[in-house]
Structures are given as structure tokens and as C-alpha cells.
Amino acid sequence: MTSMILSPALVAGAAQVEAAERAERRLALAVDRLRQVETDAFRLAEETSWRSRGGEGFRGAAERWCDDVAGGAAQVEALRYEVGAQASRLHEASERG
């Protein structure tokens, strides 16, 4: 029976691929959560009355919050894409040895 000894570079490469893939999954969850927060902020803004000064201020704050969260979600999505691409590159490099 022949035992296969993995080179340190191959083991390190596999660990990097696993870490990058794990980071990509976590970023995907973060995007999902941010999108839910964005939806909640939009709903709050829509449900808030414009009839009072306090309501008007709250609605404006909720709309700004919605915009901020949408921007944050877009940035996290872009980062997730980059991490996914890096995971693919690491995986290909580890397969080549």
C-alpha cells in the first residue's frame, strides 16, 4: 500500500482555498442580511406618517438608512465576488501543484 505524502505547499494551498471559500459564504450571508435590513428600512420609511415633524424626521432617517445599507450591501457583494475569484484561482493553483 502506497501512502501519499502531501507537500507543505499543497496543504497550505488547500487551507487557503478553504479559508477563501468560507469567507465567500460568510460574505454571502452578510449580503443577505444587509438586503433584509434594507427591506426593513424601506418598509419603515413607507409606513411612517408625513403628518408630524417627528414622523417626517424619522422617515427621512429611515430613507437615508436604507440608502446607506444598500451601498454597504453593494460593497460587500463586490468583495464577495473578489473573494470567490481568489478562491477559484487558489483552487486551480493547488490542482496544478
PDB file of N, CA and C in Angstrom:
ATOM      1  N   MET A   1       0.849  -1.169   0.000  1.00  0.00           N
ATOM      2  CA  MET A   1       0.000   0.000   0.000  1.00  0.00           C
ATOM      3  C   MET A   1       0.895   1.232   0.000  1.00  0.00           C
ATOM      4  N   THR A   2       0.655   2.105  -0.927  1.00  0.00           N
ATOM      5  CA  THR A   2       1.443   3.320  -1.044  1.00  0.00           C
ATOM      6  C   THR A   2       0.737   4.443  -0.314  1.00  0.00           C
ATOM      7  N   SER A   3       1.479   5.102   0.574  1.00  0.00           N
ATOM      8  CA  SER A   3       0.869   6.249   1.257  1.00  0.00           C
ATOM      9  C   SER A   3       1.274   7.512   0.526  1.00  0.00           C
ATOM     10  N   MET A   4       0.364   8.415   0.463  1.00  0.00           N
ATOM     11  CA  MET A   4       0.620   9.674  -0.233  1.00  0.00           C
ATOM     12  C   MET A   4       1.009  10.723   0.794  1.00  0.00           C
ATOM     13  N   ILE A   5       2.155  11.329   0.589  1.00  0.00           N
ATOM     14  CA  ILE A   5       2.610  12.393   1.477  1.00  0.00           C
ATOM     15  C   ILE A   5       2.351  13.718   0.768  1.00  0.00           C
ATOM     16  N   LEU A   6       1.581  14.561   1.407  1.00  0.00           N
ATOM     17  CA  LEU A   6       1.244  15.855   0.820  1.00  0.00           C
ATOM     18  C   LEU A   6       2.344  16.856   1.111  1.00  0.00           C
ATOM     19  N   SER A   7       2.686  17.616   0.101  1.00  0.00           N
ATOM     20  CA  SER A   7       3.708  18.643   0.292  1.00  0.00           C
ATOM     21  C   SER A   7       3.140  19.777   1.136  1.00  0.00           C
ATOM     22  N   PRO A   8       4.003  20.478   1.876  1.00  0.00           N
ATOM     23  CA  PRO A   8       3.525  21.619   2.665  1.00  0.00           C
ATOM     24  C   PRO A   8       2.832  22.673   1.805  1.00  0.00           C
ATOM     25  N   ALA A   9       3.331  22.869   0.587  1.00  0.00           N
ATOM     26  CA  ALA A   9       2.714  23.865  -0.303  1.00  0.00           C
ATOM     27  C   ALA A   9       1.296  23.457  -0.669  1.00  0.00           C
ATOM     28  N   LEU A  10       1.096  22.160  -0.915  1.00  0.00           N
ATOM     29  CA  LEU A  10      -0.238  21.673  -1.268  1.00  0.00           C
ATOM     30  C   LEU A  10      -1.195  21.802  -0.090  1.00  0.00           C
ATOM     31  N   VAL A  11      -0.711  21.479   1.099  1.00  0.00           N
ATOM     32  CA  VAL A  11      -1.543  21.600   2.300  1.00  0.00           C
ATOM     33  C   VAL A  11      -1.894  23.062   2.548  1.00  0.00           C
ATOM     34  N   ALA A  12      -0.896  23.950   2.427  1.00  0.00           N
ATOM     35  CA  ALA A  12      -1.146  25.386   2.618  1.00  0.00           C
ATOM     36  C   ALA A  12      -2.116  25.898   1.569  1.00  0.00           C
ATOM     37  N   GLY A  13      -1.968  25.442   0.325  1.00  0.00           N
ATOM     38  CA  GLY A  13      -2.869  25.866  -0.742  1.00  0.00           C
ATOM     39  C   GLY A  13      -4.299  25.439  -0.470  1.00  0.00           C
ATOM     40  N   ALA A  14      -4.467  24.204  -0.002  1.00  0.00           N
ATOM     41  CA  ALA A  14      -5.809  23.710   0.315  1.00  0.00           C
ATOM     42  C   ALA A  14      -6.418  24.508   1.460  1.00  0.00           C
ATOM     43  N   ALA A  15      -5.604  24.859   2.442  1.00  0.00           N
ATOM     44  CA  ALA A  15      -6.102  25.659   3.567  1.00  0.00           C
ATOM     45  C   ALA A  15      -6.523  27.045   3.103  1.00  0.00           C
ATOM     46  N   GLN A  16      -5.768  27.618   2.173  1.00  0.00           N
ATOM     47  CA  GLN A  16      -6.126  28.937   1.644  1.00  0.00           C
ATOM     48  C   GLN A  16      -7.422  28.876   0.852  1.00  0.00           C
ATOM     49  N   VAL A  17      -7.572  27.833   0.054  1.00  0.00           N
ATOM     50  CA  VAL A  17      -8.811  27.666  -0.715  1.00  0.00           C
ATOM     51  C   VAL A  17      -9.995  27.545   0.235  1.00  0.00           C
ATOM     52  N   GLU A  18      -9.837  26.711   1.258  1.00  0.00           N
ATOM     53  CA  GLU A  18     -10.921  26.521   2.229  1.00  0.00           C
ATOM     54  C   GLU A  18     -11.260  27.830   2.941  1.00  0.00           C
ATOM     55  N   ALA A  19     -10.246  28.578   3.334  1.00  0.00           N
ATOM     56  CA  ALA A  19     -10.479  29.857   4.022  1.00  0.00           C
ATOM     57  C   ALA A  19     -11.177  30.850   3.103  1.00  0.00           C
ATOM     58  N   ALA A  20     -10.754  30.913   1.844  1.00  0.00           N
ATOM     59  CA  ALA A  20     -11.377  31.844   0.901  1.00  0.00           C
ATOM     60  C   ALA A  20     -12.829  31.455   0.635  1.00  0.00           C
ATOM     61  N   GLU A  21     -13.084  30.160   0.485  1.00  0.00           N
ATOM     62  CA  GLU A  21     -14.458  29.709   0.253  1.00  0.00           C
ATOM     63  C   GLU A  21     -15.341  29.978   1.470  1.00  0.00           C
ATOM     64  N   ARG A  22     -14.787  29.779   2.668  1.00  0.00           N
ATOM     65  CA  ARG A  22     -15.536  30.065   3.894  1.00  0.00           C
ATOM     66  C   ARG A  22     -15.848  31.560   3.986  1.00  0.00           C
ATOM     67  N   ALA A  23     -14.864  32.387   3.640  1.00  0.00           N
ATOM     68  CA  ALA A  23     -15.081  33.839   3.655  1.00  0.00           C
ATOM     69  C   ALA A  23     -16.157  34.228   2.651  1.00  0.00           C
ATOM     70  N   GLU A  24     -16.139  33.602   1.474  1.00  0.00           N
ATOM     71  CA  GLU A  24     -17.154  33.907   0.465  1.00  0.00           C
ATOM     72  C   GLU A  24     -18.550  33.549   0.975  1.00  0.00           C
ATOM     73  N   ARG A  25     -18.691  32.405   1.626  1.00  0.00           N
ATOM     74  CA  ARG A  25     -20.001  32.010   2.171  1.00  0.00           C
ATOM     75  C   ARG A  25     -20.472  33.000   3.234  1.00  0.00           C
ATOM     76  N   ARG A  26     -19.557  33.413   4.090  1.00  0.00           N
ATOM     77  CA  ARG A  26     -19.925  34.374   5.139  1.00  0.00           C
ATOM     78  C   ARG A  26     -20.312  35.722   4.540  1.00  0.00           C
ATOM     79  N   LEU A  27     -19.604  36.136   3.509  1.00  0.00           N
ATOM     80  CA  LEU A  27     -19.958  37.399   2.854  1.00  0.00           C
ATOM     81  C   LEU A  27     -21.321  37.291   2.183  1.00  0.00           C
ATOM     82  N   ALA A  28     -21.632  36.133   1.616  1.00  0.00           N
ATOM     83  CA  ALA A  28     -22.949  35.938   1.008  1.00  0.00           C
ATOM     84  C   ALA A  28     -24.042  36.073   2.067  1.00  0.00           C
ATOM     85  N   LEU A  29     -23.800  35.511   3.251  1.00  0.00           N
ATOM     86  CA  LEU A  29     -24.772  35.662   4.345  1.00  0.00           C
ATOM     87  C   LEU A  29     -24.899  37.120   4.765  1.00  0.00           C
ATOM     88  N   ALA A  30     -23.777  37.828   4.802  1.00  0.00           N
ATOM     89  CA  ALA A  30     -23.810  39.253   5.170  1.00  0.00           C
ATOM     90  C   ALA A  30     -24.620  40.049   4.160  1.00  0.00           C
ATOM     91  N   VAL A  31     -24.455  39.751   2.873  1.00  0.00           N
ATOM     92  CA  VAL A  31     -25.231  40.443   1.840  1.00  0.00           C
ATOM     93  C   VAL A  31     -26.711  40.163   2.039  1.00  0.00           C
ATOM     94  N   ASP A  32     -27.062  38.908   2.281  1.00  0.00           N
ATOM     95  CA  ASP A  32     -28.474  38.562   2.509  1.00  0.00           C
ATOM     96  C   ASP A  32     -29.047  39.335   3.691  1.00  0.00           C
ATOM     97  N   ARG A  33     -28.283  39.409   4.764  1.00  0.00           N
ATOM     98  CA  ARG A  33     -28.762  40.134   5.952  1.00  0.00           C
ATOM     99  C   ARG A  33     -28.885  41.627   5.678  1.00  0.00           C
ATOM    100  N   LEU A  34     -27.911  42.187   4.981  1.00  0.00           N
ATOM    101  CA  LEU A  34     -27.982  43.613   4.653  1.00  0.00           C
ATOM    102  C   LEU A  34     -29.177  43.910   3.753  1.00  0.00           C
ATOM    103  N   ARG A  35     -29.457  43.019   2.809  1.00  0.00           N
ATOM    104  CA  ARG A  35     -30.626  43.216   1.936  1.00  0.00           C
ATOM    105  C   ARG A  35     -31.919  43.178   2.758  1.00  0.00           C
ATOM    106  N   GLN A  36     -31.965  42.311   3.780  1.00  0.00           N
ATOM    107  CA  GLN A  36     -33.149  42.258   4.640  1.00  0.00           C
ATOM    108  C   GLN A  36     -33.287  43.547   5.436  1.00  0.00           C
ATOM    109  N   VAL A  37     -32.166  44.061   5.948  1.00  0.00           N
ATOM    110  CA  VAL A  37     -32.193  45.333   6.675  1.00  0.00           C
ATOM    111  C   VAL A  37     -32.648  46.454   5.745  1.00  0.00           C
ATOM    112  N   GLU A  38     -32.164  46.428   4.506  1.00  0.00           N
ATOM    113  CA  GLU A  38     -32.581  47.433   3.523  1.00  0.00           C
ATOM    114  C   GLU A  38     -34.094  47.373   3.314  1.00  0.00           C
ATOM    115  N   THR A  39     -34.626  46.167   3.187  1.00  0.00           N
ATOM    116  CA  THR A  39     -36.069  45.983   3.013  1.00  0.00           C
ATOM    117  C   THR A  39     -36.828  46.506   4.227  1.00  0.00           C
ATOM    118  N   ASP A  40     -36.319  46.201   5.420  1.00  0.00           N
ATOM    119  CA  ASP A  40     -36.965  46.677   6.646  1.00  0.00           C
ATOM    120  C   ASP A  40     -36.943  48.201   6.731  1.00  0.00           C
ATOM    121  N   ALA A  41     -35.814  48.811   6.378  1.00  0.00           N
ATOM    122  CA  ALA A  41     -35.706  50.275   6.419  1.00  0.00           C
ATOM    123  C   ALA A  41     -36.678  50.907   5.428  1.00  0.00           C
ATOM    124  N   PHE A  42     -36.786  50.322   4.245  1.00  0.00           N
ATOM    125  CA  PHE A  42     -37.716  50.845   3.245  1.00  0.00           C
ATOM    126  C   PHE A  42     -39.153  50.745   3.757  1.00  0.00           C
ATOM    127  N   ARG A  43     -39.479  49.591   4.356  1.00  0.00           N
ATOM    128  CA  ARG A  43     -40.829  49.396   4.892  1.00  0.00           C
ATOM    129  C   ARG A  43     -41.125  50.411   5.993  1.00  0.00           C
ATOM    130  N   LEU A  44     -40.167  50.623   6.895  1.00  0.00           N
ATOM    131  CA  LEU A  44     -40.356  51.608   7.962  1.00  0.00           C
ATOM    132  C   LEU A  44     -40.574  53.003   7.394  1.00  0.00           C
ATOM    133  N   ALA A  45     -39.797  53.347   6.385  1.00  0.00           N
ATOM    134  CA  ALA A  45     -39.950  54.666   5.772  1.00  0.00           C
ATOM    135  C   ALA A  45     -41.335  54.814   5.152  1.00  0.00           C
ATOM    136  N   GLU A  46     -41.791  53.769   4.481  1.00  0.00           N
ATOM    137  CA  GLU A  46     -43.098  53.824   3.825  1.00  0.00           C
ATOM    138  C   GLU A  46     -44.250  53.873   4.827  1.00  0.00           C
ATOM    139  N   GLU A  47     -44.072  53.236   5.980  1.00  0.00           N
ATOM    140  CA  GLU A  47     -45.149  53.176   6.970  1.00  0.00           C
ATOM    141  C   GLU A  47     -45.192  54.386   7.895  1.00  0.00           C
ATOM    142  N   THR A  48     -44.206  55.248   7.817  1.00  0.00           N
ATOM    143  CA  THR A  48     -44.133  56.399   8.719  1.00  0.00           C
ATOM    144  C   THR A  48     -44.926  57.564   8.149  1.00  0.00           C
ATOM    145  N   SER A  49     -45.731  58.149   8.979  1.00  0.00           N
ATOM    146  CA  SER A  49     -46.573  59.273   8.571  1.00  0.00           C
ATOM    147  C   SER A  49     -45.738  60.519   8.311  1.00  0.00           C
ATOM    148  N   TRP A  50     -46.139  61.252   7.289  1.00  0.00           N
ATOM    149  CA  TRP A  50     -45.506  62.531   6.960  1.00  0.00           C
ATOM    150  C   TRP A  50     -46.179  63.673   7.720  1.00  0.00           C
ATOM    151  N   ARG A  51     -47.206  63.376   8.485  1.00  0.00           N
ATOM    152  CA  ARG A  51     -48.048  64.425   9.064  1.00  0.00           C
ATOM    153  C   ARG A  51     -47.431  65.147  10.246  1.00  0.00           C
ATOM    154  N   SER A  52     -46.438  64.581  10.878  1.00  0.00           N
ATOM    155  CA  SER A  52     -45.830  65.252  12.029  1.00  0.00           C
ATOM    156  C   SER A  52     -44.358  65.521  11.746  1.00  0.00           C
ATOM    157  N   ARG A  53     -43.825  66.485  12.451  1.00  0.00           N
ATOM    158  CA  ARG A  53     -42.408  66.806  12.271  1.00  0.00           C
ATOM    159  C   ARG A  53     -41.540  65.599  12.656  1.00  0.00           C
ATOM    160  N   GLY A  54     -41.909  64.934  13.768  1.00  0.00           N
ATOM    161  CA  GLY A  54     -41.164  63.747  14.192  1.00  0.00           C
ATOM    162  C   GLY A  54     -41.242  62.629  13.170  1.00  0.00           C
ATOM    163  N   GLY A  55     -42.434  62.422  12.635  1.00  0.00           N
ATOM    164  CA  GLY A  55     -42.617  61.393  11.616  1.00  0.00           C
ATOM    165  C   GLY A  55     -41.834  61.700  10.362  1.00  0.00           C
ATOM    166  N   GLU A  56     -41.832  62.968   9.982  1.00  0.00           N
ATOM    167  CA  GLU A  56     -41.088  63.382   8.794  1.00  0.00           C
ATOM    168  C   GLU A  56     -39.585  63.149   9.004  1.00  0.00           C
ATOM    169  N   GLY A  57     -39.098  63.489  10.197  1.00  0.00           N
ATOM    170  CA  GLY A  57     -37.684  63.268  10.508  1.00  0.00           C
ATOM    171  C   GLY A  57     -37.317  61.797  10.532  1.00  0.00           C
ATOM    172  N   PHE A  58     -38.211  60.987  11.121  1.00  0.00           N
ATOM    173  CA  PHE A  58     -37.956  59.554  11.184  1.00  0.00           C
ATOM    174  C   PHE A  58     -37.946  58.959   9.788  1.00  0.00           C
ATOM    175  N   ARG A  59     -38.903  59.370   8.973  1.00  0.00           N
ATOM    176  CA  ARG A  59     -38.968  58.844   7.610  1.00  0.00           C
ATOM    177  C   ARG A  59     -37.706  59.194   6.838  1.00  0.00           C
ATOM    178  N   GLY A  60     -37.261  60.437   6.971  1.00  0.00           N
ATOM    179  CA  GLY A  60     -36.027  60.844   6.293  1.00  0.00           C
ATOM    180  C   GLY A  60     -34.834  60.023   6.760  1.00  0.00           C
ATOM    181  N   ALA A  61     -34.769  59.786   8.078  1.00  0.00           N
ATOM    182  CA  ALA A  61     -33.669  58.979   8.624  1.00  0.00           C
ATOM    183  C   ALA A  61     -33.741  57.543   8.108  1.00  0.00           C
ATOM    184  N   ALA A  62     -34.948  56.986   8.039  1.00  0.00           N
ATOM    185  CA  ALA A  62     -35.116  55.618   7.538  1.00  0.00           C
ATOM    186  C   ALA A  62     -34.722  55.528   6.069  1.00  0.00           C
ATOM    187  N   GLU A  63     -35.064  56.543   5.293  1.00  0.00           N
ATOM    188  CA  GLU A  63     -34.679  56.549   3.878  1.00  0.00           C
ATOM    189  C   GLU A  63     -33.159  56.629   3.727  1.00  0.00           C
ATOM    190  N   ARG A  64     -32.511  57.469   4.539  1.00  0.00           N
ATOM    191  CA  ARG A  64     -31.044  57.564   4.481  1.00  0.00           C
ATOM    192  C   ARG A  64     -30.406  56.241   4.912  1.00  0.00           C
ATOM    193  N   TRP A  65     -30.993  55.629   5.951  1.00  0.00           N
ATOM    194  CA  TRP A  65     -30.504  54.338   6.429  1.00  0.00           C
ATOM    195  C   TRP A  65     -30.609  53.298   5.319  1.00  0.00           C
ATOM    196  N   CYS A  66     -31.722  53.304   4.635  1.00  0.00           N
ATOM    197  CA  CYS A  66     -31.941  52.380   3.526  1.00  0.00           C
ATOM    198  C   CYS A  66     -30.865  52.573   2.457  1.00  0.00           C
ATOM    199  N   ASP A  67     -30.591  53.817   2.104  1.00  0.00           N
ATOM    200  CA  ASP A  67     -29.561  54.109   1.102  1.00  0.00           C
ATOM    201  C   ASP A  67     -28.185  53.648   1.577  1.00  0.00           C
ATOM    202  N   ASP A  68     -27.871  53.920   2.843  1.00  0.00           N
ATOM    203  CA  ASP A  68     -26.570  53.519   3.395  1.00  0.00           C
ATOM    204  C   ASP A  68     -26.405  52.003   3.381  1.00  0.00           C
ATOM    205  N   VAL A  69     -27.454  51.304   3.786  1.00  0.00           N
ATOM    206  CA  VAL A  69     -27.391  49.843   3.826  1.00  0.00           C
ATOM    207  C   VAL A  69     -27.273  49.285   2.415  1.00  0.00           C
ATOM    208  N   ALA A  70     -27.993  49.860   1.465  1.00  0.00           N
ATOM    209  CA  ALA A  70     -27.906  49.398   0.079  1.00  0.00           C
ATOM    210  C   ALA A  70     -26.484  49.576  -0.444  1.00  0.00           C
ATOM    211  N   GLY A  71     -25.878  50.707  -0.123  1.00  0.00           N
ATOM    212  CA  GLY A  71     -24.497  50.936  -0.542  1.00  0.00           C
ATOM    213  C   GLY A  71     -23.544  49.947   0.109  1.00  0.00           C
ATOM    214  N   GLY A  72     -23.754  49.678   1.397  1.00  0.00           N
ATOM    215  CA  GLY A  72     -22.918  48.705   2.097  1.00  0.00           C
ATOM    216  C   GLY A  72     -23.084  47.309   1.521  1.00  0.00           C
ATOM    217  N   ALA A  73     -24.308  46.942   1.200  1.00  0.00           N
ATOM    218  CA  ALA A  73     -24.565  45.621   0.621  1.00  0.00           C
ATOM    219  C   ALA A  73     -23.866  45.485  -0.725  1.00  0.00           C
ATOM    220  N   ALA A  74     -23.887  46.545  -1.518  1.00  0.00           N
ATOM    221  CA  ALA A  74     -23.220  46.510  -2.822  1.00  0.00           C
ATOM    222  C   ALA A  74     -21.710  46.331  -2.648  1.00  0.00           C
ATOM    223  N   GLN A  75     -21.140  47.002  -1.661  1.00  0.00           N
ATOM    224  CA  GLN A  75     -19.703  46.860  -1.411  1.00  0.00           C
ATOM    225  C   GLN A  75     -19.360  45.452  -0.937  1.00  0.00           C
ATOM    226  N   VAL A  76     -20.181  44.891  -0.066  1.00  0.00           N
ATOM    227  CA  VAL A  76     -19.940  43.530   0.418  1.00  0.00           C
ATOM    228  C   VAL A  76     -20.099  42.535  -0.724  1.00  0.00           C
ATOM    229  N   GLU A  77     -21.062  42.763  -1.591  1.00  0.00           N
ATOM    230  CA  GLU A  77     -21.264  41.880  -2.748  1.00  0.00           C
ATOM    231  C   GLU A  77     -20.041  41.918  -3.665  1.00  0.00           C
ATOM    232  N   ALA A  78     -19.481  43.096  -3.895  1.00  0.00           N
ATOM    233  CA  ALA A  78     -18.277  43.216  -4.718  1.00  0.00           C
ATOM    234  C   ALA A  78     -17.103  42.486  -4.056  1.00  0.00           C
ATOM    235  N   LEU A  79     -16.982  42.625  -2.753  1.00  0.00           N
ATOM    236  CA  LEU A  79     -15.922  41.930  -2.022  1.00  0.00           C
ATOM    237  C   LEU A  79     -16.122  40.423  -2.100  1.00  0.00           C
ATOM    238  N   ARG A  80     -17.355  39.978  -1.978  1.00  0.00           N
ATOM    239  CA  ARG A  80     -17.652  38.544  -2.080  1.00  0.00           C
ATOM    240  C   ARG A  80     -17.242  38.005  -3.448  1.00  0.00           C
ATOM    241  N   TYR A  81     -17.502  38.781  -4.488  1.00  0.00           N
ATOM    242  CA  TYR A  81     -17.114  38.379  -5.844  1.00  0.00           C
ATOM    243  C   TYR A  81     -15.593  38.233  -5.931  1.00  0.00           C
ATOM    244  N   GLU A  82     -14.865  39.203  -5.384  1.00  0.00           N
ATOM    245  CA  GLU A  82     -13.402  39.158  -5.413  1.00  0.00           C
ATOM    246  C   GLU A  82     -12.872  37.960  -4.627  1.00  0.00           C
ATOM    247  N   VAL A  83     -13.453  37.686  -3.472  1.00  0.00           N
ATOM    248  CA  VAL A  83     -13.024  36.538  -2.665  1.00  0.00           C
ATOM    249  C   VAL A  83     -13.322  35.239  -3.412  1.00  0.00           C
ATOM    250  N   GLY A  84     -14.466  35.172  -4.067  1.00  0.00           N
ATOM    251  CA  GLY A  84     -14.805  33.988  -4.852  1.00  0.00           C
ATOM    252  C   GLY A  84     -13.827  33.762  -5.993  1.00  0.00           C
ATOM    253  N   ALA A  85     -13.448  34.841  -6.659  1.00  0.00           N
ATOM    254  CA  ALA A  85     -12.472  34.736  -7.744  1.00  0.00           C
ATOM    255  C   ALA A  85     -11.120  34.271  -7.203  1.00  0.00           C
ATOM    256  N   GLN A  86     -10.733  34.808  -6.055  1.00  0.00           N
ATOM    257  CA  GLN A  86      -9.470  34.384  -5.432  1.00  0.00           C
ATOM    258  C   GLN A  86      -9.532  32.917  -5.030  1.00  0.00           C
ATOM    259  N   ALA A  87     -10.659  32.477  -4.499  1.00  0.00           N
ATOM    260  CA  ALA A  87     -10.816  31.064  -4.131  1.00  0.00           C
ATOM    261  C   ALA A  87     -10.659  30.177  -5.363  1.00  0.00           C
ATOM    262  N   SER A  88     -11.228  30.606  -6.483  1.00  0.00           N
ATOM    263  CA  SER A  88     -11.097  29.838  -7.725  1.00  0.00           C
ATOM    264  C   SER A  88      -9.646  29.775  -8.180  1.00  0.00           C
ATOM    265  N   ARG A  89      -8.953  30.917  -8.105  1.00  0.00           N
ATOM    266  CA  ARG A  89      -7.542  30.937  -8.505  1.00  0.00           C
ATOM    267  C   ARG A  89      -6.706  30.033  -7.598  1.00  0.00           C
ATOM    268  N   LEU A  90      -6.955  30.098  -6.298  1.00  0.00           N
ATOM    269  CA  LEU A  90      -6.216  29.247  -5.361  1.00  0.00           C
ATOM    270  C   LEU A  90      -6.501  27.770  -5.616  1.00  0.00           C
ATOM    271  N   HIS A  91      -7.754  27.457  -5.899  1.00  0.00           N
ATOM    272  CA  HIS A  91      -8.130  26.067  -6.173  1.00  0.00           C
ATOM    273  C   HIS A  91      -7.416  25.566  -7.424  1.00  0.00           C
ATOM    274  N   GLU A  92      -7.413  26.360  -8.480  1.00  0.00           N
ATOM    275  CA  GLU A  92      -6.734  25.978  -9.719  1.00  0.00           C
ATOM    276  C   GLU A  92      -5.237  25.809  -9.491  1.00  0.00           C
ATOM    277  N   ALA A  93      -4.642  26.720  -8.723  1.00  0.00           N
ATOM    278  CA  ALA A  93      -3.205  26.634  -8.449  1.00  0.00           C
ATOM    279  C   ALA A  93      -2.879  25.382  -7.635  1.00  0.00           C
ATOM    280  N   SER A  94      -3.750  25.039  -6.683  1.00  0.00           N
ATOM    281  CA  SER A  94      -3.481  23.851  -5.863  1.00  0.00           C
ATOM    282  C   SER A  94      -3.625  22.573  -6.680  1.00  0.00           C
ATOM    283  N   GLU A  95      -4.498  22.578  -7.676  1.00  0.00           N
ATOM    284  CA  GLU A  95      -4.658  21.401  -8.531  1.00  0.00           C
ATOM    285  C   GLU A  95      -3.450  21.201  -9.434  1.00  0.00           C
ATOM    286  N   ARG A  96      -2.829  22.315  -9.842  1.00  0.00           N
ATOM    287  CA  ARG A  96      -1.642  22.230 -10.698  1.00  0.00           C
ATOM    288  C   ARG A  96      -0.408  21.813  -9.911  1.00  0.00           C
ATOM    289  N   GLY A  97      -0.459  22.026  -8.601  1.00  0.00           N
ATOM    290  CA  GLY A  97       0.648  21.618  -7.746  1.00  0.00           C
ATOM    291  C   GLY A  97       1.610  22.693  -7.622  1.00  0.00           C
TER     292      GLY A  97
END
